[in-house]
Amino acid sequence: MGAQAEEFGQGRVLALDVGELRCGLALSDVARKHASPLAVLPTADLLRVQPSGGGGRLREIVAEWEVAGIVVGLPLESDGSEGSQARHVRALGGKIVAGLGLGLDVGAGLGSGAGSRAIPSAPALSLVWYDERKSSVQAKAAGHEVGLSERAMRGHTDSRAAAVFLQRWLDETKGDLNGAHEIN
């Protein structure tokens, strides 16, 4: 695919379920119809600034999978508002995405960001903040349904939760990144 397609027409979508210790990653297929768990990485590693100027392993994933957009899950309150946990995740998620070296100025609105600046040779990406309420509960329930124990799920729940809210986002938006905030 090379450079991202015009108006974010092609490319996968990466979801981040940001936690204090771990960050679950999930990835869509190229057609943006299905989400799958990808990996669980230590949040501290994603926050660490790399000497090469980018987000290390996350930047590699973005390039390797030709990611066109990133959906970061926000743990909203039951009434849909942002509480302290959502604000904390927004701050951590913003630092992680900004660590990609793409010049992101993370905004406050759900589904949006504010400000961007061009960085030569960086692929254009789109950023979406998305409601991830109950995704961990749903991921655990799905694991139990197929007979997985808590022990078997340990270490995988975060990426499965990211897949749950990414699938919801794909279903709701049909994978359309055109209204999302561009980071480049």
N, C-alpha and C. Protein backbone atom coordinates (compact mmCIF):
# COMPACT_ATOMS: atom_id res chain seq x y z
N MET A 1 0.82 -1.19 0.00
CA MET A 1 0.00 0.00 0.00
C MET A 1 0.86 1.25 0.00
N GLY A 2 2.04 1.19 0.63
CA GLY A 2 2.92 2.36 0.65
C GLY A 2 2.32 3.49 1.45
N ALA A 3 2.27 4.68 0.83
CA ALA A 3 1.69 5.85 1.52
C ALA A 3 0.20 5.63 1.72
N GLN A 4 -0.33 6.22 2.80
CA GLN A 4 -1.75 6.06 3.08
C GLN A 4 -2.56 6.63 1.92
N ALA A 5 -3.70 6.02 1.65
CA ALA A 5 -4.57 6.44 0.55
C ALA A 5 -5.20 7.78 0.85
N GLU A 6 -5.62 8.47 -0.21
CA GLU A 6 -6.29 9.75 -0.06
C GLU A 6 -7.47 9.62 0.89
N GLU A 7 -7.66 10.62 1.73
CA GLU A 7 -8.81 10.68 2.66
C GLU A 7 -8.94 9.41 3.50
N PHE A 8 -7.83 8.78 3.84
CA PHE A 8 -7.83 7.60 4.70
C PHE A 8 -8.69 6.48 4.12
N GLY A 9 -8.71 6.33 2.82
CA GLY A 9 -9.55 5.34 2.16
C GLY A 9 -9.10 3.91 2.38
N GLN A 10 -7.83 3.68 2.66
CA GLN A 10 -7.32 2.33 2.82
C GLN A 10 -6.44 2.25 4.05
N GLY A 11 -6.22 1.04 4.49
CA GLY A 11 -5.35 0.81 5.64
C GLY A 11 -6.13 0.27 6.81
N ARG A 12 -5.42 -0.34 7.70
CA ARG A 12 -6.02 -0.94 8.89
C ARG A 12 -6.23 0.11 9.98
N VAL A 13 -7.01 -0.27 10.96
CA VAL A 13 -7.22 0.57 12.13
C VAL A 13 -6.68 -0.18 13.34
N LEU A 14 -5.89 0.51 14.13
CA LEU A 14 -5.29 -0.04 15.34
C LEU A 14 -6.03 0.51 16.55
N ALA A 15 -6.41 -0.36 17.48
CA ALA A 15 -7.06 0.08 18.72
C ALA A 15 -6.08 -0.06 19.88
N LEU A 16 -6.12 0.91 20.79
CA LEU A 16 -5.31 0.88 22.00
C LEU A 16 -6.23 0.90 23.21
N ASP A 17 -6.11 -0.13 24.05
CA ASP A 17 -6.81 -0.18 25.33
C ASP A 17 -5.74 0.13 26.37
N VAL A 18 -5.63 1.41 26.72
CA VAL A 18 -4.53 1.89 27.56
C VAL A 18 -4.84 1.67 29.03
N GLY A 19 -3.95 0.97 29.70
CA GLY A 19 -4.05 0.77 31.14
C GLY A 19 -2.80 1.28 31.82
N GLU A 20 -2.84 1.31 33.12
CA GLU A 20 -1.71 1.80 33.89
C GLU A 20 -0.46 0.95 33.64
N LEU A 21 -0.63 -0.38 33.60
CA LEU A 21 0.51 -1.28 33.42
C LEU A 21 0.65 -1.83 32.01
N ARG A 22 -0.49 -2.13 31.37
CA ARG A 22 -0.46 -2.75 30.06
C ARG A 22 -1.33 -1.98 29.07
N CYS A 23 -0.98 -2.15 27.80
CA CYS A 23 -1.77 -1.56 26.72
C CYS A 23 -2.13 -2.67 25.75
N GLY A 24 -3.43 -2.94 25.64
CA GLY A 24 -3.90 -3.95 24.70
C GLY A 24 -4.03 -3.35 23.31
N LEU A 25 -3.57 -4.09 22.32
CA LEU A 25 -3.65 -3.65 20.93
C LEU A 25 -4.53 -4.62 20.16
N ALA A 26 -5.35 -4.07 19.30
CA ALA A 26 -6.16 -4.87 18.38
C ALA A 26 -6.06 -4.22 17.01
N LEU A 27 -6.33 -5.00 15.98
CA LEU A 27 -6.15 -4.53 14.62
C LEU A 27 -7.34 -4.95 13.76
N SER A 28 -7.75 -4.06 12.89
CA SER A 28 -8.80 -4.42 11.94
C SER A 28 -8.18 -5.11 10.73
N ASP A 29 -9.03 -5.75 9.95
CA ASP A 29 -8.58 -6.24 8.65
C ASP A 29 -8.53 -5.05 7.69
N VAL A 30 -7.99 -5.24 6.51
CA VAL A 30 -7.85 -4.14 5.55
C VAL A 30 -9.21 -3.57 5.15
N ALA A 31 -10.21 -4.43 5.06
CA ALA A 31 -11.56 -3.98 4.68
C ALA A 31 -12.28 -3.27 5.83
N ARG A 32 -11.67 -3.28 7.01
CA ARG A 32 -12.25 -2.64 8.21
C ARG A 32 -13.62 -3.20 8.57
N LYS A 33 -13.72 -4.52 8.50
CA LYS A 33 -14.97 -5.19 8.88
C LYS A 33 -14.82 -6.00 10.16
N HIS A 34 -13.60 -6.49 10.42
CA HIS A 34 -13.37 -7.37 11.57
C HIS A 34 -12.17 -6.91 12.38
N ALA A 35 -12.30 -7.04 13.69
CA ALA A 35 -11.21 -6.69 14.62
C ALA A 35 -10.67 -7.96 15.25
N SER A 36 -9.36 -7.99 15.46
CA SER A 36 -8.71 -9.13 16.10
C SER A 36 -7.70 -8.62 17.13
N PRO A 37 -7.57 -9.36 18.25
CA PRO A 37 -6.54 -9.00 19.22
C PRO A 37 -5.16 -9.11 18.56
N LEU A 38 -4.25 -8.22 18.91
CA LEU A 38 -2.92 -8.25 18.31
C LEU A 38 -1.83 -8.53 19.33
N ALA A 39 -1.76 -7.74 20.38
CA ALA A 39 -0.67 -7.87 21.35
C ALA A 39 -1.02 -7.11 22.62
N VAL A 40 -0.29 -7.42 23.67
CA VAL A 40 -0.34 -6.64 24.90
C VAL A 40 1.09 -6.21 25.18
N LEU A 41 1.28 -4.89 25.29
CA LEU A 41 2.61 -4.34 25.52
C LEU A 41 2.62 -3.56 26.83
N PRO A 42 3.74 -3.52 27.52
CA PRO A 42 3.82 -2.72 28.75
C PRO A 42 3.63 -1.23 28.43
N THR A 43 2.74 -0.59 29.15
CA THR A 43 2.48 0.84 28.94
C THR A 43 3.76 1.65 29.11
N ALA A 44 4.58 1.29 30.09
CA ALA A 44 5.83 2.02 30.32
C ALA A 44 6.72 2.00 29.09
N ASP A 45 6.75 0.86 28.37
CA ASP A 45 7.56 0.78 27.15
C ASP A 45 7.03 1.70 26.07
N LEU A 46 5.71 1.84 26.00
CA LEU A 46 5.11 2.70 24.98
C LEU A 46 5.31 4.17 25.30
N LEU A 47 5.48 4.49 26.58
CA LEU A 47 5.70 5.88 26.99
C LEU A 47 7.16 6.30 26.88
N ARG A 48 8.06 5.33 26.81
CA ARG A 48 9.49 5.61 26.75
C ARG A 48 9.84 6.21 25.41
N VAL A 49 10.51 7.35 25.43
CA VAL A 49 10.94 8.01 24.20
C VAL A 49 12.15 7.27 23.64
N GLN A 50 12.08 6.94 22.37
CA GLN A 50 13.16 6.20 21.72
C GLN A 50 14.18 7.18 21.14
N PRO A 51 15.47 6.83 21.17
CA PRO A 51 16.50 7.71 20.60
C PRO A 51 16.27 7.99 19.11
N SER A 52 15.63 7.05 18.42
CA SER A 52 15.38 7.22 16.99
C SER A 52 14.26 8.23 16.72
N GLY A 53 13.65 8.75 17.79
CA GLY A 53 12.65 9.80 17.64
C GLY A 53 11.22 9.31 17.53
N GLY A 54 10.95 8.06 17.80
CA GLY A 54 9.59 7.57 17.65
C GLY A 54 9.20 6.60 18.72
N GLY A 55 8.01 6.08 18.62
CA GLY A 55 7.41 5.22 19.62
C GLY A 55 7.84 3.77 19.57
N GLY A 56 9.04 3.47 19.12
CA GLY A 56 9.59 2.13 19.17
C GLY A 56 8.69 1.07 18.56
N ARG A 57 8.31 0.09 19.37
CA ARG A 57 7.52 -1.06 18.90
C ARG A 57 6.18 -0.62 18.30
N LEU A 58 5.54 0.37 18.88
CA LEU A 58 4.26 0.84 18.35
C LEU A 58 4.44 1.43 16.96
N ARG A 59 5.49 2.18 16.77
CA ARG A 59 5.76 2.75 15.44
C ARG A 59 6.02 1.63 14.43
N GLU A 60 6.73 0.58 14.86
CA GLU A 60 6.97 -0.58 13.99
C GLU A 60 5.64 -1.24 13.59
N ILE A 61 4.74 -1.38 14.56
CA ILE A 61 3.43 -1.99 14.28
C ILE A 61 2.65 -1.14 13.29
N VAL A 62 2.65 0.18 13.49
CA VAL A 62 1.94 1.09 12.59
C VAL A 62 2.47 0.93 11.16
N ALA A 63 3.78 0.85 11.02
CA ALA A 63 4.39 0.71 9.69
C ALA A 63 4.16 -0.69 9.11
N GLU A 64 4.40 -1.71 9.92
CA GLU A 64 4.29 -3.10 9.45
C GLU A 64 2.88 -3.43 8.97
N TRP A 65 1.87 -2.98 9.70
CA TRP A 65 0.48 -3.31 9.38
C TRP A 65 -0.19 -2.24 8.53
N GLU A 66 0.56 -1.22 8.12
CA GLU A 66 0.04 -0.13 7.28
C GLU A 66 -1.24 0.47 7.89
N VAL A 67 -1.08 0.92 9.12
CA VAL A 67 -2.20 1.48 9.88
C VAL A 67 -2.56 2.87 9.36
N ALA A 68 -3.84 3.08 9.14
CA ALA A 68 -4.34 4.38 8.66
C ALA A 68 -4.95 5.19 9.79
N GLY A 69 -5.34 4.52 10.87
CA GLY A 69 -5.98 5.23 11.97
C GLY A 69 -5.80 4.50 13.28
N ILE A 70 -5.90 5.26 14.37
CA ILE A 70 -5.77 4.71 15.72
C ILE A 70 -7.02 5.09 16.51
N VAL A 71 -7.63 4.08 17.12
CA VAL A 71 -8.78 4.29 17.99
C VAL A 71 -8.32 4.01 19.41
N VAL A 72 -8.39 5.03 20.27
CA VAL A 72 -7.98 4.88 21.67
C VAL A 72 -9.24 4.81 22.52
N GLY A 73 -9.35 3.76 23.33
CA GLY A 73 -10.53 3.57 24.17
C GLY A 73 -10.50 4.45 25.40
N LEU A 74 -11.65 5.07 25.67
CA LEU A 74 -11.82 5.89 26.88
C LEU A 74 -12.83 5.22 27.80
N PRO A 75 -12.46 5.01 29.07
CA PRO A 75 -13.40 4.41 30.03
C PRO A 75 -14.35 5.49 30.59
N LEU A 76 -15.39 5.77 29.84
CA LEU A 76 -16.34 6.82 30.24
C LEU A 76 -17.18 6.37 31.43
N GLU A 77 -17.75 7.35 32.10
CA GLU A 77 -18.67 7.08 33.21
C GLU A 77 -19.96 6.49 32.64
N SER A 78 -20.82 5.94 33.50
CA SER A 78 -22.06 5.32 33.03
C SER A 78 -22.97 6.32 32.32
N ASP A 79 -22.86 7.60 32.64
CA ASP A 79 -23.68 8.62 31.98
C ASP A 79 -23.03 9.15 30.69
N GLY A 80 -21.88 8.58 30.32
CA GLY A 80 -21.19 8.99 29.10
C GLY A 80 -20.20 10.13 29.28
N SER A 81 -20.08 10.64 30.49
CA SER A 81 -19.15 11.75 30.72
C SER A 81 -17.75 11.20 31.00
N GLU A 82 -16.77 12.10 30.91
CA GLU A 82 -15.40 11.73 31.22
C GLU A 82 -15.11 12.00 32.68
N GLY A 83 -14.81 10.94 33.40
CA GLY A 83 -14.40 11.07 34.79
C GLY A 83 -12.89 11.11 34.89
N SER A 84 -12.39 10.96 36.09
CA SER A 84 -10.94 11.05 36.31
C SER A 84 -10.19 9.93 35.59
N GLN A 85 -10.75 8.73 35.55
CA GLN A 85 -10.07 7.62 34.86
C GLN A 85 -9.97 7.89 33.36
N ALA A 86 -11.03 8.40 32.75
CA ALA A 86 -11.00 8.72 31.32
C ALA A 86 -9.98 9.83 31.04
N ARG A 87 -9.92 10.82 31.90
CA ARG A 87 -8.95 11.89 31.71
C ARG A 87 -7.52 11.36 31.83
N HIS A 88 -7.32 10.44 32.77
CA HIS A 88 -6.00 9.83 32.94
C HIS A 88 -5.62 9.01 31.70
N VAL A 89 -6.56 8.22 31.20
CA VAL A 89 -6.31 7.42 30.00
C VAL A 89 -6.07 8.33 28.80
N ARG A 90 -6.82 9.42 28.70
CA ARG A 90 -6.62 10.37 27.60
C ARG A 90 -5.19 10.93 27.65
N ALA A 91 -4.71 11.24 28.86
CA ALA A 91 -3.35 11.76 29.00
C ALA A 91 -2.32 10.71 28.62
N LEU A 92 -2.48 9.47 29.13
CA LEU A 92 -1.55 8.39 28.79
C LEU A 92 -1.61 8.08 27.30
N GLY A 93 -2.82 7.92 26.77
CA GLY A 93 -2.99 7.61 25.35
C GLY A 93 -2.41 8.70 24.47
N GLY A 94 -2.61 9.95 24.86
CA GLY A 94 -2.05 11.06 24.11
C GLY A 94 -0.53 11.01 24.08
N LYS A 95 0.08 10.68 25.22
CA LYS A 95 1.54 10.58 25.27
C LYS A 95 2.03 9.42 24.40
N ILE A 96 1.31 8.31 24.43
CA ILE A 96 1.71 7.15 23.63
C ILE A 96 1.64 7.48 22.14
N VAL A 97 0.52 8.04 21.70
CA VAL A 97 0.36 8.36 20.28
C VAL A 97 1.33 9.47 19.87
N ALA A 98 1.52 10.47 20.74
CA ALA A 98 2.47 11.54 20.45
C ALA A 98 3.89 10.98 20.34
N GLY A 99 4.16 9.92 21.09
CA GLY A 99 5.47 9.28 21.06
C GLY A 99 5.80 8.63 19.73
N LEU A 100 4.81 8.49 18.87
CA LEU A 100 5.07 7.97 17.53
C LEU A 100 5.90 8.95 16.71
N GLY A 101 5.99 10.19 17.20
CA GLY A 101 6.77 11.19 16.49
C GLY A 101 6.02 11.82 15.34
N LEU A 102 4.68 11.84 15.44
CA LEU A 102 3.87 12.37 14.35
C LEU A 102 3.31 13.75 14.67
N GLY A 103 3.78 14.38 15.75
CA GLY A 103 3.41 15.75 16.05
C GLY A 103 1.98 15.94 16.51
N LEU A 104 1.44 15.01 17.26
CA LEU A 104 0.05 15.10 17.70
C LEU A 104 -0.10 16.03 18.88
N ASP A 105 -1.08 16.90 18.81
CA ASP A 105 -1.52 17.70 19.94
C ASP A 105 -2.88 17.16 20.29
N VAL A 106 -2.97 16.36 21.36
CA VAL A 106 -4.19 15.63 21.66
C VAL A 106 -5.26 16.57 22.19
N GLY A 107 -6.44 16.55 21.58
CA GLY A 107 -7.56 17.41 21.97
C GLY A 107 -8.41 16.77 23.04
N ALA A 108 -9.45 17.49 23.45
CA ALA A 108 -10.27 17.06 24.57
C ALA A 108 -11.55 16.35 24.17
N GLY A 109 -12.05 16.52 22.98
CA GLY A 109 -13.35 15.97 22.62
C GLY A 109 -13.33 14.50 22.28
N LEU A 110 -14.39 13.78 22.62
CA LEU A 110 -14.53 12.39 22.25
C LEU A 110 -14.67 12.33 20.74
N GLY A 111 -13.87 11.49 20.09
CA GLY A 111 -13.93 11.37 18.65
C GLY A 111 -13.17 12.46 17.93
N SER A 112 -12.42 13.25 18.66
CA SER A 112 -11.68 14.32 17.99
C SER A 112 -10.39 14.61 18.71
N GLY A 113 -9.58 15.37 18.09
CA GLY A 113 -8.34 15.87 18.67
C GLY A 113 -8.18 17.29 18.18
N ALA A 114 -7.23 18.00 18.71
CA ALA A 114 -7.04 19.39 18.28
C ALA A 114 -5.62 19.59 17.86
N GLY A 115 -5.43 20.23 16.74
CA GLY A 115 -4.10 20.60 16.28
C GLY A 115 -3.34 19.47 15.64
N SER A 116 -2.58 19.78 14.63
CA SER A 116 -1.68 18.83 14.03
C SER A 116 -0.61 19.61 13.28
N ARG A 117 0.51 18.97 13.04
CA ARG A 117 1.52 19.61 12.22
C ARG A 117 2.18 18.53 11.38
N ALA A 118 2.63 18.92 10.23
CA ALA A 118 3.22 17.96 9.30
C ALA A 118 4.64 17.61 9.72
N ILE A 119 4.97 16.35 9.60
CA ILE A 119 6.33 15.88 9.79
C ILE A 119 6.69 15.14 8.52
N PRO A 120 7.72 15.59 7.81
CA PRO A 120 8.08 14.95 6.55
C PRO A 120 8.29 13.45 6.71
N SER A 121 7.86 12.69 5.75
CA SER A 121 7.99 11.24 5.63
C SER A 121 7.15 10.45 6.63
N ALA A 122 6.38 11.11 7.50
CA ALA A 122 5.51 10.38 8.41
C ALA A 122 4.19 10.10 7.70
N PRO A 123 3.66 8.88 7.85
CA PRO A 123 2.39 8.58 7.20
C PRO A 123 1.27 9.36 7.87
N ALA A 124 0.27 9.75 7.09
CA ALA A 124 -0.88 10.42 7.66
C ALA A 124 -1.68 9.38 8.44
N LEU A 125 -2.05 9.71 9.64
CA LEU A 125 -2.86 8.83 10.47
C LEU A 125 -4.07 9.61 10.94
N SER A 126 -5.06 8.90 11.37
CA SER A 126 -6.25 9.51 11.92
C SER A 126 -6.40 9.00 13.35
N LEU A 127 -6.85 9.86 14.25
CA LEU A 127 -7.00 9.50 15.66
C LEU A 127 -8.45 9.66 16.09
N VAL A 128 -8.94 8.64 16.79
CA VAL A 128 -10.31 8.65 17.32
C VAL A 128 -10.25 8.25 18.79
N TRP A 129 -10.94 9.00 19.63
CA TRP A 129 -11.16 8.60 21.03
C TRP A 129 -12.53 7.95 21.04
N TYR A 130 -12.64 6.74 21.64
CA TYR A 130 -13.90 5.99 21.55
C TYR A 130 -14.27 5.39 22.91
N ASP A 131 -15.53 5.38 23.19
CA ASP A 131 -16.09 4.82 24.42
C ASP A 131 -15.78 3.33 24.50
N GLU A 132 -15.02 2.93 25.52
CA GLU A 132 -14.68 1.51 25.67
C GLU A 132 -15.32 0.87 26.89
N ARG A 133 -16.38 1.51 27.41
CA ARG A 133 -17.04 0.94 28.58
C ARG A 133 -17.44 -0.52 28.35
N LYS A 134 -17.23 -1.33 29.36
CA LYS A 134 -17.62 -2.74 29.40
C LYS A 134 -16.84 -3.65 28.46
N SER A 135 -15.84 -3.13 27.76
CA SER A 135 -15.11 -3.99 26.81
C SER A 135 -14.33 -5.09 27.52
N SER A 136 -13.75 -4.80 28.67
CA SER A 136 -13.01 -5.85 29.41
C SER A 136 -13.96 -6.91 29.93
N VAL A 137 -15.11 -6.50 30.40
CA VAL A 137 -16.11 -7.45 30.89
C VAL A 137 -16.57 -8.36 29.75
N GLN A 138 -16.83 -7.76 28.58
CA GLN A 138 -17.26 -8.53 27.42
C GLN A 138 -16.15 -9.47 26.95
N ALA A 139 -14.90 -9.02 26.99
CA ALA A 139 -13.79 -9.86 26.56
C ALA A 139 -13.65 -11.07 27.48
N LYS A 140 -13.78 -10.84 28.79
CA LYS A 140 -13.69 -11.96 29.74
C LYS A 140 -14.86 -12.92 29.56
N ALA A 141 -16.05 -12.39 29.37
CA ALA A 141 -17.24 -13.24 29.18
C ALA A 141 -17.07 -14.10 27.93
N ALA A 142 -16.56 -13.53 26.86
CA ALA A 142 -16.35 -14.29 25.62
C ALA A 142 -15.32 -15.39 25.85
N GLY A 143 -14.29 -15.11 26.62
CA GLY A 143 -13.30 -16.13 26.94
C GLY A 143 -13.89 -17.26 27.74
N HIS A 144 -14.73 -16.92 28.72
CA HIS A 144 -15.40 -17.95 29.53
C HIS A 144 -16.33 -18.80 28.68
N GLU A 145 -17.01 -18.17 27.71
CA GLU A 145 -17.94 -18.90 26.83
C GLU A 145 -17.24 -19.99 26.04
N VAL A 146 -15.98 -19.77 25.68
CA VAL A 146 -15.24 -20.79 24.93
C VAL A 146 -14.39 -21.67 25.84
N GLY A 147 -14.64 -21.56 27.16
CA GLY A 147 -14.01 -22.46 28.11
C GLY A 147 -12.66 -22.04 28.63
N LEU A 148 -12.26 -20.79 28.44
CA LEU A 148 -10.98 -20.33 28.96
C LEU A 148 -11.09 -19.99 30.44
N SER A 149 -10.08 -20.37 31.20
CA SER A 149 -10.04 -20.03 32.62
C SER A 149 -9.46 -18.63 32.78
N GLU A 150 -9.61 -18.08 33.99
CA GLU A 150 -9.00 -16.78 34.29
C GLU A 150 -7.50 -16.84 34.04
N ARG A 151 -6.89 -17.94 34.42
CA ARG A 151 -5.44 -18.10 34.25
C ARG A 151 -5.07 -18.10 32.76
N ALA A 152 -5.86 -18.79 31.94
CA ALA A 152 -5.58 -18.85 30.50
C ALA A 152 -5.75 -17.48 29.84
N MET A 153 -6.65 -16.67 30.38
CA MET A 153 -6.90 -15.35 29.80
C MET A 153 -5.92 -14.29 30.29
N ARG A 154 -5.23 -14.58 31.40
CA ARG A 154 -4.32 -13.60 31.97
C ARG A 154 -3.31 -13.13 30.93
N GLY A 155 -3.18 -11.84 30.82
CA GLY A 155 -2.24 -11.28 29.87
C GLY A 155 -2.81 -11.06 28.48
N HIS A 156 -4.00 -11.61 28.22
CA HIS A 156 -4.61 -11.46 26.90
C HIS A 156 -5.88 -10.61 26.93
N THR A 157 -6.42 -10.38 28.10
CA THR A 157 -7.70 -9.67 28.21
C THR A 157 -7.62 -8.27 27.63
N ASP A 158 -6.50 -7.58 27.80
CA ASP A 158 -6.38 -6.21 27.31
C ASP A 158 -6.48 -6.13 25.79
N SER A 159 -5.84 -7.05 25.09
CA SER A 159 -5.93 -7.03 23.62
C SER A 159 -7.31 -7.50 23.16
N ARG A 160 -7.91 -8.41 23.88
CA ARG A 160 -9.27 -8.85 23.54
C ARG A 160 -10.27 -7.71 23.79
N ALA A 161 -10.07 -6.96 24.86
CA ALA A 161 -10.94 -5.80 25.13
C ALA A 161 -10.79 -4.76 24.03
N ALA A 162 -9.55 -4.53 23.58
CA ALA A 162 -9.33 -3.59 22.48
C ALA A 162 -10.07 -4.06 21.22
N ALA A 163 -10.06 -5.37 20.99
CA ALA A 163 -10.78 -5.92 19.83
C ALA A 163 -12.29 -5.72 19.97
N VAL A 164 -12.80 -5.83 21.20
CA VAL A 164 -14.24 -5.64 21.44
C VAL A 164 -14.65 -4.22 21.07
N PHE A 165 -13.94 -3.21 21.60
CA PHE A 165 -14.39 -1.84 21.30
C PHE A 165 -14.03 -1.43 19.88
N LEU A 166 -12.97 -2.00 19.31
CA LEU A 166 -12.67 -1.71 17.91
C LEU A 166 -13.77 -2.28 17.01
N GLN A 167 -14.25 -3.48 17.32
CA GLN A 167 -15.33 -4.06 16.52
C GLN A 167 -16.59 -3.21 16.62
N ARG A 168 -16.90 -2.72 17.82
CA ARG A 168 -18.06 -1.83 17.99
C ARG A 168 -17.89 -0.58 17.12
N TRP A 169 -16.68 0.00 17.17
CA TRP A 169 -16.42 1.21 16.38
C TRP A 169 -16.55 0.92 14.88
N LEU A 170 -15.99 -0.21 14.43
CA LEU A 170 -16.09 -0.59 13.01
C LEU A 170 -17.55 -0.75 12.60
N ASP A 171 -18.34 -1.43 13.45
CA ASP A 171 -19.76 -1.65 13.15
C ASP A 171 -20.53 -0.33 13.08
N GLU A 172 -20.23 0.57 14.01
CA GLU A 172 -20.95 1.86 14.07
C GLU A 172 -20.57 2.79 12.92
N THR A 173 -19.30 2.81 12.56
CA THR A 173 -18.82 3.80 11.59
C THR A 173 -18.54 3.20 10.21
N LYS A 174 -18.65 1.89 10.10
CA LYS A 174 -18.25 1.18 8.87
C LYS A 174 -16.77 1.43 8.55
N GLY A 175 -15.99 1.71 9.60
CA GLY A 175 -14.56 1.92 9.46
C GLY A 175 -14.18 3.24 8.82
N ASP A 176 -15.12 4.18 8.78
CA ASP A 176 -14.88 5.47 8.12
C ASP A 176 -14.06 6.39 9.02
N LEU A 177 -12.84 6.69 8.60
CA LEU A 177 -11.95 7.58 9.34
C LEU A 177 -12.03 9.01 8.85
N ASN A 178 -12.83 9.29 7.84
CA ASN A 178 -12.84 10.62 7.24
C ASN A 178 -13.24 11.73 8.20
N GLY A 179 -14.06 11.45 9.19
CA GLY A 179 -14.45 12.48 10.15
C GLY A 179 -13.52 12.57 11.34
N ALA A 180 -12.53 11.69 11.40
CA ALA A 180 -11.62 11.67 12.55
C ALA A 180 -10.54 12.73 12.39
N HIS A 181 -9.81 12.93 13.46
CA HIS A 181 -8.73 13.93 13.49
C HIS A 181 -7.49 13.35 12.81
N GLU A 182 -6.94 14.07 11.89
CA GLU A 182 -5.73 13.63 11.18
C GLU A 182 -4.50 14.01 11.99
N ILE A 183 -3.57 13.06 12.07
CA ILE A 183 -2.26 13.36 12.65
C ILE A 183 -1.24 13.01 11.59
N ASN A 184 -0.36 13.92 11.31
CA ASN A 184 0.69 13.63 10.33
C ASN A 184 1.94 14.41 10.64
